[in-house]
Amino acid sequence: MQQKELLTQLDVASVGEEISHELGRTLVKSYQDAYPDTFTGVLIGRNIIDQILAQPGCAGMRFYNAINEQGQKTLVYVGVDAEGKSILEKVVVNAFGTIVSEEATIADRIQTLPSWWPF
């Protein structure tokens, strides 16, 4: 099956699952052991996550590895619809009561966690 076919059959809102604390620690430790000189994880606040997920038709989020203006590793995150397509525009009612299309919310500005940060 081609990648595009897999994506269109995917229930975007159902991607991800809860794992045990033990497995979570094991996975994080494996990464830290393999890449000791990089950050362990990132912190993203609820407000921006809520803002992205509240966009009309948003069923999930996609995270892209990126390099910021200072040349540091970061993430860019964007909402996706039920078909897995990035939400790049949204329809809104402006101050004049007119329905218009504007850029959707796309975000960055994570806080990286150093490799010694506890799970």
Protein backbone atom coordinates (compact mmCIF):
# COMPACT_ATOMS: atom_id res chain seq x y z
CA MET A 1 0.00 0.00 0.00
CA GLN A 2 1.36 3.44 -0.87
CA GLN A 3 2.07 6.06 1.78
CA LYS A 4 -0.76 8.30 0.52
CA GLU A 5 -3.27 5.44 0.71
CA LEU A 6 -2.19 4.65 4.26
CA LEU A 7 -2.66 8.27 5.28
CA THR A 8 -6.15 8.53 3.81
CA GLN A 9 -7.23 5.38 5.69
CA LEU A 10 -5.84 6.69 8.96
CA ASP A 11 -8.14 7.86 11.76
CA VAL A 12 -6.07 10.95 12.59
CA ALA A 13 -7.84 11.68 15.88
CA SER A 14 -6.98 8.17 17.12
CA VAL A 15 -3.21 8.31 16.47
CA GLY A 16 -1.19 7.72 19.64
CA GLU A 17 -1.78 5.59 22.66
CA GLU A 18 -1.09 5.61 26.35
CA ILE A 19 1.99 3.67 27.46
CA SER A 20 3.21 2.65 30.89
CA HIS A 21 5.52 4.87 32.91
CA GLU A 22 8.10 2.11 32.80
CA LEU A 23 8.06 1.93 29.00
CA GLY A 24 8.17 5.73 28.78
CA ARG A 25 11.26 5.87 30.98
CA THR A 26 12.88 3.06 28.97
CA LEU A 27 12.25 4.81 25.65
CA VAL A 28 13.58 8.15 26.94
CA LYS A 29 16.67 6.50 28.46
CA SER A 30 17.37 4.69 25.19
CA TYR A 31 17.33 8.01 23.37
CA GLN A 32 19.53 9.68 26.00
CA ASP A 33 22.04 6.83 25.79
CA ALA A 34 22.13 6.99 21.98
CA TYR A 35 22.29 10.81 21.76
CA PRO A 36 23.87 12.13 24.97
CA ASP A 37 24.79 15.53 23.51
CA THR A 38 21.33 16.58 22.40
CA PHE A 39 18.26 17.72 24.29
CA THR A 40 16.01 15.03 25.74
CA GLY A 41 12.68 16.57 24.98
CA VAL A 42 10.70 19.75 24.62
CA LEU A 43 8.15 21.66 26.64
CA ILE A 44 5.15 23.13 24.84
CA GLY A 45 2.48 25.06 26.71
CA ARG A 46 -1.19 24.19 26.66
CA ASN A 47 -2.33 27.57 25.32
CA ILE A 48 -0.74 27.17 21.89
CA ILE A 49 -1.76 23.50 21.69
CA ASP A 50 -5.37 24.47 22.49
CA GLN A 51 -5.21 27.30 19.93
CA ILE A 52 -4.12 24.90 17.18
CA LEU A 53 -6.58 22.13 18.13
CA ALA A 54 -9.48 24.64 18.34
CA GLN A 55 -9.19 25.50 14.64
CA PRO A 56 -12.18 24.34 12.58
CA GLY A 57 -11.70 20.78 11.35
CA CYS A 58 -8.56 20.12 13.38
CA ALA A 59 -8.23 16.42 14.29
CA GLY A 60 -4.61 16.34 15.45
CA MET A 61 -1.19 17.91 15.19
CA ARG A 62 1.95 17.23 13.21
CA PHE A 63 5.43 18.13 14.46
CA TYR A 64 8.29 18.92 12.08
CA ASN A 65 11.97 18.98 12.99
CA ALA A 66 13.31 22.43 12.17
CA ILE A 67 16.19 24.85 12.71
CA ASN A 68 15.34 28.22 14.28
CA GLU A 69 16.78 31.65 13.52
CA GLN A 70 19.69 31.01 15.91
CA GLY A 71 20.62 27.76 14.16
CA GLN A 72 19.23 25.58 16.99
CA LYS A 73 17.08 22.46 16.63
CA THR A 74 13.39 23.13 17.24
CA LEU A 75 9.95 21.90 16.25
CA VAL A 76 7.33 23.54 14.07
CA TYR A 77 3.84 22.26 14.79
CA VAL A 78 0.70 22.52 12.72
CA GLY A 79 -2.87 21.29 12.96
CA VAL A 80 -4.08 18.54 10.64
CA ASP A 81 -7.57 17.65 9.50
CA ALA A 82 -9.23 14.23 9.58
CA GLU A 83 -7.58 13.35 6.25
CA GLY A 84 -4.11 14.15 7.61
CA LYS A 85 -3.75 17.37 5.58
CA SER A 86 -2.00 20.31 7.20
CA ILE A 87 -4.38 23.13 8.12
CA LEU A 88 -2.71 26.16 6.58
CA GLU A 89 -5.77 28.40 6.19
CA LYS A 90 -8.91 28.89 8.25
CA VAL A 91 -12.21 30.61 7.61
CA VAL A 92 -13.14 33.34 10.09
CA VAL A 93 -15.60 36.19 10.45
CA ASN A 94 -13.68 39.48 10.59
CA ALA A 95 -14.56 42.62 12.55
CA PHE A 96 -16.84 43.77 9.70
CA GLY A 97 -18.87 40.55 9.76
CA THR A 98 -17.37 39.32 6.51
CA ILE A 99 -16.33 35.69 6.10
CA VAL A 100 -12.66 35.62 5.09
CA SER A 101 -9.83 33.14 4.84
CA GLU A 102 -6.67 33.77 6.85
CA GLU A 103 -3.52 31.89 7.72
CA ALA A 104 -4.05 29.13 10.25
CA THR A 105 -2.00 28.95 13.42
CA ILE A 106 1.42 27.35 13.00
CA ALA A 107 3.75 27.38 15.99
CA ASP A 108 7.31 27.11 17.28
CA ARG A 109 9.10 28.51 20.33
CA ILE A 110 9.51 25.31 22.29
CA GLN A 111 11.60 25.08 25.42
CA THR A 112 14.16 22.32 25.09
CA LEU A 113 14.95 20.04 28.01
CA PRO A 114 18.62 19.18 28.58
CA SER A 115 19.73 15.55 28.59
CA TRP A 116 19.90 15.49 32.41
CA TRP A 117 16.24 16.56 32.82
CA PRO A 118 14.28 13.94 34.81
CA PHE A 119 11.40 12.05 33.23
